PDB file of all heavy atoms in Angstrom:
ATOM      1  N   VAL A   1     -25.031   6.483-105.515  1.00  0.00           N
ATOM      2  CA  VAL A   1     -23.863   5.617-105.497  1.00  0.00           C
ATOM      3  C   VAL A   1     -24.267   4.227-105.961  1.00  0.00           C
ATOM      4  O   VAL A   1     -25.233   3.650-105.466  1.00  0.00           O
ATOM      5  CB  VAL A   1     -23.262   5.563-104.086  1.00  0.00           C
ATOM      6  CG1 VAL A   1     -22.065   4.650-104.055  1.00  0.00           C
ATOM      7  CG2 VAL A   1     -22.866   6.965-103.644  1.00  0.00           C
ATOM      8  N   GLN A   2     -23.545   3.684-106.912  1.00  0.00           N
ATOM      9  CA  GLN A   2     -23.874   2.385-107.461  1.00  0.00           C
ATOM     10  C   GLN A   2     -23.337   1.266-106.568  1.00  0.00           C
ATOM     11  O   GLN A   2     -22.309   1.418-105.915  1.00  0.00           O
ATOM     12  CB  GLN A   2     -23.288   2.246-108.875  1.00  0.00           C
ATOM     13  CG  GLN A   2     -23.793   3.338-109.830  1.00  0.00           C
ATOM     14  CD  GLN A   2     -25.301   3.327-109.985  1.00  0.00           C
ATOM     15  OE1 GLN A   2     -25.896   2.275-110.120  1.00  0.00           O
ATOM     16  NE2 GLN A   2     -25.920   4.494-109.940  1.00  0.00           N
ATOM     17  N   ASP A   3     -24.034   0.120-106.595  1.00  0.00           N
ATOM     18  CA  ASP A   3     -23.625  -1.052-105.808  1.00  0.00           C
ATOM     19  C   ASP A   3     -23.396  -0.666-104.358  1.00  0.00           C
ATOM     20  O   ASP A   3     -22.438  -1.082-103.721  1.00  0.00           O
ATOM     21  CB  ASP A   3     -22.336  -1.671-106.370  1.00  0.00           C
ATOM     22  CG  ASP A   3     -22.512  -2.061-107.833  1.00  0.00           C
ATOM     23  OD1 ASP A   3     -23.579  -2.602-108.157  1.00  0.00           O
ATOM     24  OD2 ASP A   3     -21.586  -1.820-108.624  1.00  0.00           O
ATOM     25  N   SER A   4     -24.256   0.170-103.839  1.00  0.00           N
ATOM     26  CA  SER A   4     -24.019   0.704-102.507  1.00  0.00           C
ATOM     27  C   SER A   4     -24.674  -0.153-101.451  1.00  0.00           C
ATOM     28  O   SER A   4     -25.517  -0.989-101.713  1.00  0.00           O
ATOM     29  CB  SER A   4     -24.558   2.136-102.401  1.00  0.00           C
ATOM     30  OG  SER A   4     -25.953   2.121-102.294  1.00  0.00           O
ATOM     31  N   ALA A   5     -24.239   0.113-100.234  1.00  0.00           N
ATOM     32  CA  ALA A   5     -24.832  -0.567 -99.083  1.00  0.00           C
ATOM     33  C   ALA A   5     -25.834   0.338 -98.397  1.00  0.00           C
ATOM     34  O   ALA A   5     -26.153   0.175 -97.244  1.00  0.00           O
ATOM     35  CB  ALA A   5     -23.736  -0.959 -98.099  1.00  0.00           C
ATOM     36  N   GLU A   6     -26.332   1.312 -99.139  1.00  0.00           N
ATOM     37  CA  GLU A   6     -27.220   2.300 -98.535  1.00  0.00           C
ATOM     38  C   GLU A   6     -28.494   1.649 -98.036  1.00  0.00           C
ATOM     39  O   GLU A   6     -29.132   0.863 -98.727  1.00  0.00           O
ATOM     40  CB  GLU A   6     -27.563   3.371 -99.578  1.00  0.00           C
ATOM     41  CG  GLU A   6     -28.487   4.451 -99.044  1.00  0.00           C
ATOM     42  CD  GLU A   6     -28.782   5.495-100.102  1.00  0.00           C
ATOM     43  OE1 GLU A   6     -27.900   5.775-100.922  1.00  0.00           O
ATOM     44  OE2 GLU A   6     -29.897   6.008-100.104  1.00  0.00           O
ATOM     45  N   GLU A   7     -28.872   1.981 -96.819  1.00  0.00           N
ATOM     46  CA  GLU A   7     -30.073   1.417 -96.228  1.00  0.00           C
ATOM     47  C   GLU A   7     -31.266   2.318 -96.527  1.00  0.00           C
ATOM     48  O   GLU A   7     -31.148   3.540 -96.496  1.00  0.00           O
ATOM     49  CB  GLU A   7     -29.902   1.276 -94.713  1.00  0.00           C
ATOM     50  CG  GLU A   7     -28.786   0.316 -94.337  1.00  0.00           C
ATOM     51  CD  GLU A   7     -28.606   0.223 -92.838  1.00  0.00           C
ATOM     52  OE1 GLU A   7     -29.344   0.906 -92.120  1.00  0.00           O
ATOM     53  OE2 GLU A   7     -27.735  -0.540 -92.404  1.00  0.00           O
ATOM     54  N   PRO A   8     -32.418   1.727 -96.830  1.00  0.00           N
ATOM     55  CA  PRO A   8     -33.593   2.542 -97.086  1.00  0.00           C
ATOM     56  C   PRO A   8     -34.001   3.299 -95.831  1.00  0.00           C
ATOM     57  O   PRO A   8     -34.015   2.759 -94.734  1.00  0.00           O
ATOM     58  CB  PRO A   8     -34.655   1.513 -97.487  1.00  0.00           C
ATOM     59  CG  PRO A   8     -34.180   0.223 -96.925  1.00  0.00           C
ATOM     60  CD  PRO A   8     -32.697   0.288 -96.913  1.00  0.00           C
ATOM     61  N   ILE A   9     -34.298   4.559 -95.992  1.00  0.00           N
ATOM     62  CA  ILE A   9     -34.682   5.415 -94.880  1.00  0.00           C
ATOM     63  C   ILE A   9     -36.104   5.880 -95.128  1.00  0.00           C
ATOM     64  O   ILE A   9     -36.442   6.299 -96.244  1.00  0.00           O
ATOM     65  CB  ILE A   9     -33.737   6.628 -94.764  1.00  0.00           C
ATOM     66  CG1 ILE A   9     -32.301   6.150 -94.507  1.00  0.00           C
ATOM     67  CG2 ILE A   9     -34.177   7.563 -93.668  1.00  0.00           C
ATOM     68  CD1 ILE A   9     -31.283   7.258 -94.572  1.00  0.00           C
ATOM     69  N   GLU A  10     -36.930   5.792 -94.091  1.00  0.00           N
ATOM     70  CA  GLU A  10     -38.332   6.157 -94.236  1.00  0.00           C
ATOM     71  C   GLU A  10     -38.455   7.573 -94.763  1.00  0.00           C
ATOM     72  O   GLU A  10     -37.882   8.519 -94.218  1.00  0.00           O
ATOM     73  CB  GLU A  10     -39.052   6.045 -92.883  1.00  0.00           C
ATOM     74  CG  GLU A  10     -40.529   6.369 -92.982  1.00  0.00           C
ATOM     75  CD  GLU A  10     -41.252   6.164 -91.667  1.00  0.00           C
ATOM     76  OE1 GLU A  10     -40.675   5.566 -90.765  1.00  0.00           O
ATOM     77  OE2 GLU A  10     -42.396   6.601 -91.574  1.00  0.00           O
ATOM     78  N   GLY A  11     -39.215   7.743 -95.841  1.00  0.00           N
ATOM     79  CA  GLY A  11     -39.462   9.061 -96.377  1.00  0.00           C
ATOM     80  C   GLY A  11     -38.391   9.572 -97.310  1.00  0.00           C
ATOM     81  O   GLY A  11     -38.536  10.660 -97.857  1.00  0.00           O
ATOM     82  N   LEU A  12     -37.315   8.840 -97.536  1.00  0.00           N
ATOM     83  CA  LEU A  12     -36.225   9.307 -98.394  1.00  0.00           C
ATOM     84  C   LEU A  12     -35.930   8.297 -99.495  1.00  0.00           C
ATOM     85  O   LEU A  12     -35.673   7.133 -99.209  1.00  0.00           O
ATOM     86  CB  LEU A  12     -34.952   9.547 -97.586  1.00  0.00           C
ATOM     87  CG  LEU A  12     -34.867  10.813 -96.738  1.00  0.00           C
ATOM     88  CD1 LEU A  12     -33.518  10.871 -96.047  1.00  0.00           C
ATOM     89  CD2 LEU A  12     -35.078  12.057 -97.577  1.00  0.00           C
ATOM     90  N   PRO A  13     -35.924   8.737-100.742  1.00  0.00           N
ATOM     91  CA  PRO A  13     -35.466   7.859-101.824  1.00  0.00           C
ATOM     92  C   PRO A  13     -33.958   7.661-101.725  1.00  0.00           C
ATOM     93  O   PRO A  13     -33.271   8.363-100.973  1.00  0.00           O
ATOM     94  CB  PRO A  13     -35.841   8.646-103.097  1.00  0.00           C
ATOM     95  CG  PRO A  13     -36.759   9.735-102.643  1.00  0.00           C
ATOM     96  CD  PRO A  13     -36.414  10.017-101.223  1.00  0.00           C
ATOM     97  N   PRO A  14     -33.407   6.725-102.496  1.00  0.00           N
ATOM     98  CA  PRO A  14     -31.950   6.551-102.473  1.00  0.00           C
ATOM     99  C   PRO A  14     -31.236   7.728-103.121  1.00  0.00           C
ATOM    100  O   PRO A  14     -31.829   8.508-103.866  1.00  0.00           O
ATOM    101  CB  PRO A  14     -31.737   5.257-103.274  1.00  0.00           C
ATOM    102  CG  PRO A  14     -32.949   5.157-104.149  1.00  0.00           C
ATOM    103  CD  PRO A  14     -34.077   5.743-103.362  1.00  0.00           C
ATOM    104  N   GLY A  15     -29.938   7.835-102.848  1.00  0.00           N
ATOM    105  CA  GLY A  15     -29.133   8.867-103.478  1.00  0.00           C
ATOM    106  C   GLY A  15     -29.044  10.139-102.652  1.00  0.00           C
ATOM    107  O   GLY A  15     -29.506  10.214-101.509  1.00  0.00           O
ATOM    108  N   PHE A  16     -28.453  11.159-103.257  1.00  0.00           N
ATOM    109  CA  PHE A  16     -28.229  12.440-102.581  1.00  0.00           C
ATOM    110  C   PHE A  16     -28.876  13.613-103.298  1.00  0.00           C
ATOM    111  O   PHE A  16     -28.829  14.729-102.788  1.00  0.00           O
ATOM    112  CB  PHE A  16     -26.726  12.702-102.443  1.00  0.00           C
ATOM    113  CG  PHE A  16     -26.049  11.780-101.473  1.00  0.00           C
ATOM    114  CD1 PHE A  16     -25.559  10.556-101.880  1.00  0.00           C
ATOM    115  CD2 PHE A  16     -25.915  12.129-100.137  1.00  0.00           C
ATOM    116  CE1 PHE A  16     -24.939   9.688-100.985  1.00  0.00           C
ATOM    117  CE2 PHE A  16     -25.302  11.274 -99.226  1.00  0.00           C
ATOM    118  CZ  PHE A  16     -24.812  10.053 -99.654  1.00  0.00           C
ATOM    119  N   GLY A  17     -29.473  13.386-104.467  1.00  0.00           N
ATOM    120  CA  GLY A  17     -30.118  14.472-105.183  1.00  0.00           C
ATOM    121  C   GLY A  17     -29.438  14.761-106.503  1.00  0.00           C
ATOM    122  O   GLY A  17     -28.430  14.151-106.859  1.00  0.00           O
ATOM    123  N   GLU A  18     -29.988  15.717-107.226  1.00  0.00           N
ATOM    124  CA  GLU A  18     -29.516  16.031-108.563  1.00  0.00           C
ATOM    125  C   GLU A  18     -28.641  17.276-108.579  1.00  0.00           C
ATOM    126  O   GLU A  18     -28.763  18.160-107.732  1.00  0.00           O
ATOM    127  CB  GLU A  18     -30.711  16.235-109.506  1.00  0.00           C
ATOM    128  CG  GLU A  18     -31.600  15.006-109.646  1.00  0.00           C
ATOM    129  CD  GLU A  18     -32.744  15.237-110.605  1.00  0.00           C
ATOM    130  OE1 GLU A  18     -32.917  16.395-111.047  1.00  0.00           O
ATOM    131  OE2 GLU A  18     -33.469  14.279-110.904  1.00  0.00           O
ATOM    132  N   GLY A  19     -27.776  17.328-109.593  1.00  0.00           N
ATOM    133  CA  GLY A  19     -27.009  18.529-109.864  1.00  0.00           C
ATOM    134  C   GLY A  19     -26.082  18.950-108.750  1.00  0.00           C
ATOM    135  O   GLY A  19     -25.614  18.139-107.940  1.00  0.00           O
ATOM    136  N   ILE A  20     -25.845  20.257-108.683  1.00  0.00           N
ATOM    137  CA  ILE A  20     -24.867  20.801-107.741  1.00  0.00           C
ATOM    138  C   ILE A  20     -25.307  20.598-106.302  1.00  0.00           C
ATOM    139  O   ILE A  20     -24.494  20.313-105.414  1.00  0.00           O
ATOM    140  CB  ILE A  20     -24.617  22.310-108.028  1.00  0.00           C
ATOM    141  CG1 ILE A  20     -23.499  22.838-107.148  1.00  0.00           C
ATOM    142  CG2 ILE A  20     -25.897  23.108-107.870  1.00  0.00           C
ATOM    143  CD1 ILE A  20     -22.153  22.222-107.429  1.00  0.00           C
ATOM    144  N   LEU A  21     -26.628  20.709-106.040  1.00  0.00           N
ATOM    145  CA  LEU A  21     -27.108  20.523-104.668  1.00  0.00           C
ATOM    146  C   LEU A  21     -26.943  19.075-104.221  1.00  0.00           C
ATOM    147  O   LEU A  21     -26.685  18.801-103.041  1.00  0.00           O
ATOM    148  CB  LEU A  21     -28.569  20.951-104.554  1.00  0.00           C
ATOM    149  CG  LEU A  21     -28.838  22.450-104.683  1.00  0.00           C
ATOM    150  CD1 LEU A  21     -30.321  22.747-104.569  1.00  0.00           C
ATOM    151  CD2 LEU A  21     -28.056  23.237-103.629  1.00  0.00           C
ATOM    152  N   GLY A  22     -27.090  18.136-105.159  1.00  0.00           N
ATOM    153  CA  GLY A  22     -26.846  16.739-104.826  1.00  0.00           C
ATOM    154  C   GLY A  22     -25.395  16.519-104.445  1.00  0.00           C
ATOM    155  O   GLY A  22     -25.093  15.771-103.508  1.00  0.00           O
ATOM    156  N   ARG A  23     -24.489  17.154-105.177  1.00  0.00           N
ATOM    157  CA  ARG A  23     -23.067  17.022-104.855  1.00  0.00           C
ATOM    158  C   ARG A  23     -22.743  17.678-103.516  1.00  0.00           C
ATOM    159  O   ARG A  23     -21.927  17.168-102.748  1.00  0.00           O
ATOM    160  CB  ARG A  23     -22.221  17.630-105.973  1.00  0.00           C
ATOM    161  CG  ARG A  23     -22.401  16.909-107.291  1.00  0.00           C
ATOM    162  CD  ARG A  23     -21.407  17.359-108.346  1.00  0.00           C
ATOM    163  NE  ARG A  23     -21.639  16.606-109.576  1.00  0.00           N
ATOM    164  CZ  ARG A  23     -21.168  15.387-109.788  1.00  0.00           C
ATOM    165  NH1 ARG A  23     -20.449  14.783-108.873  1.00  0.00           N
ATOM    166  NH2 ARG A  23     -21.426  14.755-110.926  1.00  0.00           N
ATOM    167  N   VAL A  24     -23.398  18.796-103.240  1.00  0.00           N
ATOM    168  CA  VAL A  24     -23.188  19.451-101.943  1.00  0.00           C
ATOM    169  C   VAL A  24     -23.629  18.524-100.809  1.00  0.00           C
ATOM    170  O   VAL A  24     -22.924  18.360 -99.800  1.00  0.00           O
ATOM    171  CB  VAL A  24     -23.940  20.796-101.879  1.00  0.00           C
ATOM    172  CG1 VAL A  24     -23.911  21.360-100.462  1.00  0.00           C
ATOM    173  CG2 VAL A  24     -23.330  21.799-102.854  1.00  0.00           C
ATOM    174  N   ALA A  25     -24.811  17.898-100.969  1.00  0.00           N
ATOM    175  CA  ALA A  25     -25.297  16.981 -99.931  1.00  0.00           C
ATOM    176  C   ALA A  25     -24.349  15.796 -99.772  1.00  0.00           C
ATOM    177  O   ALA A  25     -24.075  15.344 -98.648  1.00  0.00           O
ATOM    178  CB  ALA A  25     -26.706  16.497-100.280  1.00  0.00           C
ATOM    179  N   PHE A  26     -23.834  15.296-100.906  1.00  0.00           N
ATOM    180  CA  PHE A  26     -22.888  14.181-100.847  1.00  0.00           C
ATOM    181  C   PHE A  26     -21.652  14.571-100.039  1.00  0.00           C
ATOM    182  O   PHE A  26     -21.185  13.818 -99.170  1.00  0.00           O
ATOM    183  CB  PHE A  26     -22.485  13.770-102.267  1.00  0.00           C
ATOM    184  CG  PHE A  26     -21.454  12.683-102.312  1.00  0.00           C
ATOM    185  CD1 PHE A  26     -21.831  11.355-102.313  1.00  0.00           C
ATOM    186  CD2 PHE A  26     -20.096  12.984-102.337  1.00  0.00           C
ATOM    187  CE1 PHE A  26     -20.882  10.339-102.345  1.00  0.00           C
ATOM    188  CE2 PHE A  26     -19.137  11.981-102.370  1.00  0.00           C
ATOM    189  CZ  PHE A  26     -19.529  10.657-102.380  1.00  0.00           C
ATOM    190  N   TRP A  27     -21.101  15.748-100.311  1.00  0.00           N
ATOM    191  CA  TRP A  27     -19.883  16.167 -99.607  1.00  0.00           C
ATOM    192  C   TRP A  27     -20.155  16.540 -98.157  1.00  0.00           C
ATOM    193  O   TRP A  27     -19.269  16.447 -97.310  1.00  0.00           O
ATOM    194  CB  TRP A  27     -19.208  17.309-100.359  1.00  0.00           C
ATOM    195  CG  TRP A  27     -18.558  16.836-101.629  1.00  0.00           C
ATOM    196  CD1 TRP A  27     -18.970  17.058-102.904  1.00  0.00           C
ATOM    197  CD2 TRP A  27     -17.395  15.996-101.716  1.00  0.00           C
ATOM    198  NE1 TRP A  27     -18.141  16.421-103.788  1.00  0.00           N
ATOM    199  CE2 TRP A  27     -17.164  15.763-103.097  1.00  0.00           C
ATOM    200  CE3 TRP A  27     -16.540  15.429-100.790  1.00  0.00           C
ATOM    201  CZ2 TRP A  27     -16.107  14.984-103.549  1.00  0.00           C
ATOM    202  CZ3 TRP A  27     -15.491  14.650-101.248  1.00  0.00           C
ATOM    203  CH2 TRP A  27     -15.271  14.433-102.600  1.00  0.00           C
ATOM    204  N   ILE A  28     -21.396  16.948 -97.856  1.00  0.00           N
ATOM    205  CA  ILE A  28     -21.763  17.146 -96.447  1.00  0.00           C
ATOM    206  C   ILE A  28     -21.693  15.812 -95.716  1.00  0.00           C
ATOM    207  O   ILE A  28     -21.142  15.712 -94.604  1.00  0.00           O
ATOM    208  CB  ILE A  28     -23.175  17.757 -96.331  1.00  0.00           C
ATOM    209  CG1 ILE A  28     -23.157  19.229 -96.759  1.00  0.00           C
ATOM    210  CG2 ILE A  28     -23.700  17.636 -94.895  1.00  0.00           C
ATOM    211  CD1 ILE A  28     -24.550  19.837 -96.858  1.00  0.00           C
ATOM    212  N   ALA A  29     -22.256  14.760 -96.335  1.00  0.00           N
ATOM    213  CA  ALA A  29     -22.206  13.426 -95.729  1.00  0.00           C
ATOM    214  C   ALA A  29     -20.761  12.965 -95.568  1.00  0.00           C
ATOM    215  O   ALA A  29     -20.381  12.404 -94.530  1.00  0.00           O
ATOM    216  CB  ALA A  29     -22.992  12.436 -96.582  1.00  0.00           C
ATOM    217  N   PHE A  30     -19.949  13.191 -96.586  1.00  0.00           N
ATOM    218  CA  PHE A  30     -18.536  12.820 -96.524  1.00  0.00           C
ATOM    219  C   PHE A  30     -17.830  13.563 -95.384  1.00  0.00           C
ATOM    220  O   PHE A  30     -17.079  12.970 -94.597  1.00  0.00           O
ATOM    221  CB  PHE A  30     -17.874  13.148 -97.870  1.00  0.00           C
ATOM    222  CG  PHE A  30     -16.402  12.864 -97.927  1.00  0.00           C
ATOM    223  CD1 PHE A  30     -15.929  11.581 -98.135  1.00  0.00           C
ATOM    224  CD2 PHE A  30     -15.467  13.887 -97.764  1.00  0.00           C
ATOM    225  CE1 PHE A  30     -14.568  11.317 -98.190  1.00  0.00           C
ATOM    226  CE2 PHE A  30     -14.111  13.637 -97.811  1.00  0.00           C
ATOM    227  CZ  PHE A  30     -13.656  12.347 -98.019  1.00  0.00           C
ATOM    228  N   SER A  31     -18.100  14.862 -95.263  1.00  0.00           N
ATOM    229  CA  SER A  31     -17.475  15.665 -94.201  1.00  0.00           C
ATOM    230  C   SER A  31     -17.958  15.231 -92.823  1.00  0.00           C
ATOM    231  O   SER A  31     -17.184  15.234 -91.852  1.00  0.00           O
ATOM    232  CB  SER A  31     -17.790  17.154 -94.421  1.00  0.00           C
ATOM    233  OG  SER A  31     -17.351  17.586 -95.685  1.00  0.00           O
ATOM    234  N   PHE A  32     -19.225  14.866 -92.735  1.00  0.00           N
ATOM    235  CA  PHE A  32     -19.789  14.357 -91.484  1.00  0.00           C
ATOM    236  C   PHE A  32     -18.983  13.146 -91.010  1.00  0.00           C
ATOM    237  O   PHE A  32     -18.563  13.064 -89.836  1.00  0.00           O
ATOM    238  CB  PHE A  32     -21.252  14.002 -91.721  1.00  0.00           C
ATOM    239  CG  PHE A  32     -22.037  13.624 -90.478  1.00  0.00           C
ATOM    240  CD1 PHE A  32     -21.511  13.775 -89.201  1.00  0.00           C
ATOM    241  CD2 PHE A  32     -23.331  13.119 -90.607  1.00  0.00           C
ATOM    242  CE1 PHE A  32     -22.248  13.438 -88.066  1.00  0.00           C
ATOM    243  CE2 PHE A  32     -24.071  12.779 -89.488  1.00  0.00           C
ATOM    244  CZ  PHE A  32     -23.526  12.932 -88.221  1.00  0.00           C
ATOM    245  N   SER A  33     -18.747  12.207 -91.919  1.00  0.00           N
ATOM    246  CA  SER A  33     -17.984  11.010 -91.558  1.00  0.00           C
ATOM    247  C   SER A  33     -16.559  11.361 -91.149  1.00  0.00           C
ATOM    248  O   SER A  33     -16.043  10.827 -90.157  1.00  0.00           O
ATOM    249  CB  SER A  33     -17.964  10.025 -92.735  1.00  0.00           C
ATOM    250  OG  SER A  33     -19.224   9.431 -92.923  1.00  0.00           O
ATOM    251  N   LEU A  34     -15.924  12.244 -91.892  1.00  0.00           N
ATOM    252  CA  LEU A  34     -14.549  12.627 -91.543  1.00  0.00           C
ATOM    253  C   LEU A  34     -14.491  13.260 -90.158  1.00  0.00           C
ATOM    254  O   LEU A  34     -13.580  12.975 -89.370  1.00  0.00           O
ATOM    255  CB  LEU A  34     -13.986  13.595 -92.585  1.00  0.00           C
ATOM    256  CG  LEU A  34     -13.548  13.013 -93.927  1.00  0.00           C
ATOM    257  CD1 LEU A  34     -12.855  14.100 -94.752  1.00  0.00           C
ATOM    258  CD2 LEU A  34     -12.603  11.829 -93.734  1.00  0.00           C
ATOM    259  N   PHE A  35     -15.443  14.136 -89.861  1.00  0.00           N
ATOM    260  CA  PHE A  35     -15.460  14.781 -88.540  1.00  0.00           C
ATOM    261  C   PHE A  35     -15.609  13.744 -87.432  1.00  0.00           C
ATOM    262  O   PHE A  35     -14.893  13.784 -86.420  1.00  0.00           O
ATOM    263  CB  PHE A  35     -16.602  15.797 -88.463  1.00  0.00           C
ATOM    264  CG  PHE A  35     -16.831  16.331 -87.072  1.00  0.00           C
ATOM    265  CD1 PHE A  35     -16.008  17.316 -86.545  1.00  0.00           C
ATOM    266  CD2 PHE A  35     -17.863  15.826 -86.279  1.00  0.00           C
ATOM    267  CE1 PHE A  35     -16.213  17.797 -85.256  1.00  0.00           C
ATOM    268  CE2 PHE A  35     -18.062  16.289 -84.994  1.00  0.00           C
ATOM    269  CZ  PHE A  35     -17.238  17.283 -84.481  1.00  0.00           C
ATOM    270  N   GLN A  36     -16.543  12.798 -87.624  1.00  0.00           N
ATOM    271  CA  GLN A  36     -16.765  11.785 -86.591  1.00  0.00           C
ATOM    272  C   GLN A  36     -15.548  10.884 -86.419  1.00  0.00           C
ATOM    273  O   GLN A  36     -15.175  10.539 -85.294  1.00  0.00           O
ATOM    274  CB  GLN A  36     -17.995  10.955 -86.928  1.00  0.00           C
ATOM    275  CG  GLN A  36     -19.314  11.699 -86.822  1.00  0.00           C
ATOM    276  CD  GLN A  36     -19.654  12.131 -85.412  1.00  0.00           C
ATOM    277  OE1 GLN A  36     -20.387  13.085 -85.217  1.00  0.00           O
ATOM    278  NE2 GLN A  36     -19.127  11.455 -84.422  1.00  0.00           N
ATOM    279  N   LEU A  37     -14.908  10.519 -87.519  1.00  0.00           N
ATOM    280  CA  LEU A  37     -13.727   9.655 -87.427  1.00  0.00           C
ATOM    281  C   LEU A  37     -12.572  10.389 -86.768  1.00  0.00           C
ATOM    282  O   LEU A  37     -11.837   9.814 -85.954  1.00  0.00           O
ATOM    283  CB  LEU A  37     -13.331   9.164 -88.819  1.00  0.00           C
ATOM    284  CG  LEU A  37     -14.335   8.235 -89.505  1.00  0.00           C
ATOM    285  CD1 LEU A  37     -13.865   7.876 -90.908  1.00  0.00           C
ATOM    286  CD2 LEU A  37     -14.542   6.974 -88.681  1.00  0.00           C
ATOM    287  N   TRP A  38     -12.406  11.646 -87.108  1.00  0.00           N
ATOM    288  CA  TRP A  38     -11.328  12.430 -86.496  1.00  0.00           C
ATOM    289  C   TRP A  38     -11.561  12.587 -84.995  1.00  0.00           C
ATOM    290  O   TRP A  38     -10.639  12.395 -84.177  1.00  0.00           O
ATOM    291  CB  TRP A  38     -11.233  13.802 -87.163  1.00  0.00           C
ATOM    292  CG  TRP A  38     -10.302  14.737 -86.461  1.00  0.00           C
ATOM    293  CD1 TRP A  38      -8.938  14.714 -86.460  1.00  0.00           C
ATOM    294  CD2 TRP A  38     -10.681  15.831 -85.604  1.00  0.00           C
ATOM    295  NE1 TRP A  38      -8.431  15.718 -85.671  1.00  0.00           N
ATOM    296  CE2 TRP A  38      -9.477  16.421 -85.136  1.00  0.00           C
ATOM    297  CE3 TRP A  38     -11.896  16.375 -85.204  1.00  0.00           C
ATOM    298  CZ2 TRP A  38      -9.481  17.529 -84.279  1.00  0.00           C
ATOM    299  CZ3 TRP A  38     -11.898  17.466 -84.362  1.00  0.00           C
ATOM    300  CH2 TRP A  38     -10.704  18.024 -83.909  1.00  0.00           C
ATOM    301  N   SER A  39     -12.799  12.921 -84.610  1.00  0.00           N
ATOM    302  CA  SER A  39     -13.079  13.108 -83.183  1.00  0.00           C
ATOM    303  C   SER A  39     -12.971  11.788 -82.425  1.00  0.00           C
ATOM    304  O   SER A  39     -12.572  11.754 -81.255  1.00  0.00           O
ATOM    305  CB  SER A  39     -14.471  13.724 -82.986  1.00  0.00           C
ATOM    306  OG  SER A  39     -15.475  12.868 -83.495  1.00  0.00           O
ATOM    307  N   ALA A  40     -13.298  10.665 -83.092  1.00  0.00           N
ATOM    308  CA  ALA A  40     -13.186   9.361 -82.435  1.00  0.00           C
ATOM    309  C   ALA A  40     -11.732   8.943 -82.280  1.00  0.00           C
ATOM    310  O   ALA A  40     -11.335   8.385 -81.255  1.00  0.00           O
ATOM    311  CB  ALA A  40     -13.947   8.307 -83.224  1.00  0.00           C
ATOM    312  N   ALA A  41     -10.926   9.218 -83.309  1.00  0.00           N
ATOM    313  CA  ALA A  41      -9.536   8.769 -83.291  1.00  0.00           C
ATOM    314  C   ALA A  41      -8.678   9.592 -82.340  1.00  0.00           C
ATOM    315  O   ALA A  41      -7.780   9.051 -81.680  1.00  0.00           O
ATOM    316  CB  ALA A  41      -8.948   8.824 -84.700  1.00  0.00           C
TER     317      ALA A  41
END
């Protein structure tokens, strides 16, 4: 993600990965946030 506020995490480069698996990881993160927001709200 460009111009992101992503914080550096020990042992992990920035981003979510390449190709289809990178997109899967991205949407997992997106779904994680939606689940937490729904359960909080």
